Amino acid sequence: MPIKPIEISVMESKAANIYEAIVVLSKRARQINEETKLEFSQRVETIQALAPTVNAEEEETELNPDQLKISLEFEKRPKPTEEAIAELMSDQLEHRYKDTEAK
């Protein structure tokens, strides 16, 4: 997979400075990653629930083709960092500071 370079000046224009942009991107990438993990585990659990039960000895040799399809589908998806960068560059990502005043 080739690396796509990004102009620092373009990224810096989306936030107050480059460091802020990197923090925002990393937090959003973590959120996307957690959402993807959750979706993957839910889909695999439904397949495992529908699959017939097998003995422990047989389980090692059997590969579920549905699980394989799901894992291949998730591998083809863009990486969380790529999604976060795309969201920031297309102005779909909003960020704000927490209120520093204690209420």
Protein backbone atom coordinates (compact mmCIF):
# COMPACT_ATOMS: atom_id res chain seq x y z
CA MET A 1 0.00 0.00 0.00
CA PRO A 2 1.60 3.28 -1.06
CA ILE A 3 1.96 6.14 1.38
CA LYS A 4 0.06 9.29 0.44
CA PRO A 5 2.02 12.41 1.42
CA ILE A 6 0.08 15.32 2.85
CA GLU A 7 1.19 18.92 2.71
CA ILE A 8 1.77 20.19 6.23
CA SER A 9 0.47 23.63 5.33
CA VAL A 10 -2.85 22.14 4.16
CA MET A 11 -3.24 20.11 7.34
CA GLU A 12 -2.24 23.09 9.45
CA SER A 13 -4.97 25.19 7.82
CA LYS A 14 -7.59 22.78 9.22
CA ALA A 15 -6.48 23.37 12.84
CA ALA A 16 -4.71 26.04 14.86
CA ASN A 17 -1.36 24.32 14.34
CA ILE A 18 0.07 21.02 13.12
CA TYR A 19 0.25 19.54 16.62
CA GLU A 20 -3.42 20.18 17.22
CA ALA A 21 -4.26 18.57 13.88
CA ILE A 22 -2.24 15.47 14.79
CA VAL A 23 -3.96 15.15 18.18
CA VAL A 24 -7.39 15.52 16.57
CA LEU A 25 -6.51 12.95 13.90
CA SER A 26 -5.17 10.44 16.41
CA LYS A 27 -8.26 10.70 18.61
CA ARG A 28 -10.57 10.29 15.63
CA ALA A 29 -8.55 7.33 14.32
CA ARG A 30 -8.89 5.64 17.71
CA GLN A 31 -12.65 6.21 17.64
CA ILE A 32 -12.91 4.72 14.15
CA ASN A 33 -10.77 1.76 15.20
CA GLU A 34 -12.98 1.05 18.23
CA GLU A 35 -16.13 1.27 16.08
CA THR A 36 -14.61 -1.14 13.56
CA LYS A 37 -13.58 -3.60 16.28
CA LEU A 38 -17.06 -3.51 17.75
CA GLU A 39 -18.72 -4.06 14.36
CA PHE A 40 -16.34 -6.92 13.54
CA SER A 41 -16.89 -8.70 16.84
CA GLN A 42 -20.68 -8.34 16.55
CA ARG A 43 -20.71 -9.79 13.05
CA VAL A 44 -18.43 -12.68 14.00
CA GLU A 45 -20.52 -13.43 17.10
CA THR A 46 -23.70 -13.70 15.03
CA ILE A 47 -21.99 -16.12 12.68
CA GLN A 48 -20.66 -18.19 15.57
CA ALA A 49 -24.12 -18.25 17.15
CA LEU A 50 -25.64 -19.53 13.91
CA ALA A 51 -22.90 -22.09 13.30
CA PRO A 52 -23.54 -25.65 14.51
CA THR A 53 -21.60 -26.68 17.58
CA VAL A 54 -18.59 -28.94 17.04
CA ASN A 55 -16.29 -30.90 19.28
CA ALA A 56 -13.14 -29.23 20.59
CA GLU A 57 -10.96 -31.61 18.53
CA GLU A 58 -12.76 -30.80 15.28
CA GLU A 59 -12.78 -27.04 15.92
CA GLU A 60 -9.07 -26.65 15.16
CA THR A 61 -9.36 -28.00 11.61
CA GLU A 62 -12.64 -26.34 10.60
CA LEU A 63 -12.53 -22.86 9.09
CA ASN A 64 -15.80 -21.04 8.76
CA PRO A 65 -16.02 -19.52 5.24
CA ASP A 66 -18.37 -16.78 6.47
CA GLN A 67 -15.82 -15.65 9.05
CA LEU A 68 -13.18 -15.63 6.34
CA LYS A 69 -15.36 -13.44 4.10
CA ILE A 70 -15.96 -10.97 6.94
CA SER A 71 -12.28 -10.75 7.82
CA LEU A 72 -11.35 -10.17 4.17
CA GLU A 73 -14.00 -7.46 3.93
CA PHE A 74 -12.55 -5.68 6.96
CA GLU A 75 -9.01 -5.98 5.60
CA LYS A 76 -10.05 -4.19 2.40
CA ARG A 77 -11.42 -1.20 4.30
CA PRO A 78 -9.25 1.91 4.55
CA LYS A 79 -7.16 2.21 7.69
CA PRO A 80 -8.54 4.35 10.54
CA THR A 81 -5.81 6.97 10.09
CA GLU A 82 -6.66 7.32 6.40
CA GLU A 83 -10.35 7.77 7.24
CA ALA A 84 -9.56 10.37 9.92
CA ILE A 85 -7.32 12.33 7.54
CA ALA A 86 -9.99 12.22 4.82
CA GLU A 87 -12.60 13.50 7.28
CA LEU A 88 -10.37 16.36 8.41
CA MET A 89 -9.41 17.37 4.88
CA SER A 90 -13.04 17.37 3.69
CA ASP A 91 -14.14 19.45 6.70
CA GLN A 92 -16.35 16.65 8.05
CA LEU A 93 -14.47 16.56 11.34
CA GLU A 94 -15.20 19.16 14.00
CA HIS A 95 -13.20 19.62 17.16
CA ARG A 96 -13.45 21.94 20.11
CA TYR A 97 -11.69 22.55 23.39
CA LYS A 98 -13.12 21.49 26.72
CA ASP A 99 -14.22 24.30 28.99
CA THR A 100 -11.34 25.05 31.31
CA GLU A 101 -13.57 26.73 33.90
CA ALA A 102 -14.72 24.59 36.79
CA LYS A 103 -18.46 24.91 37.11
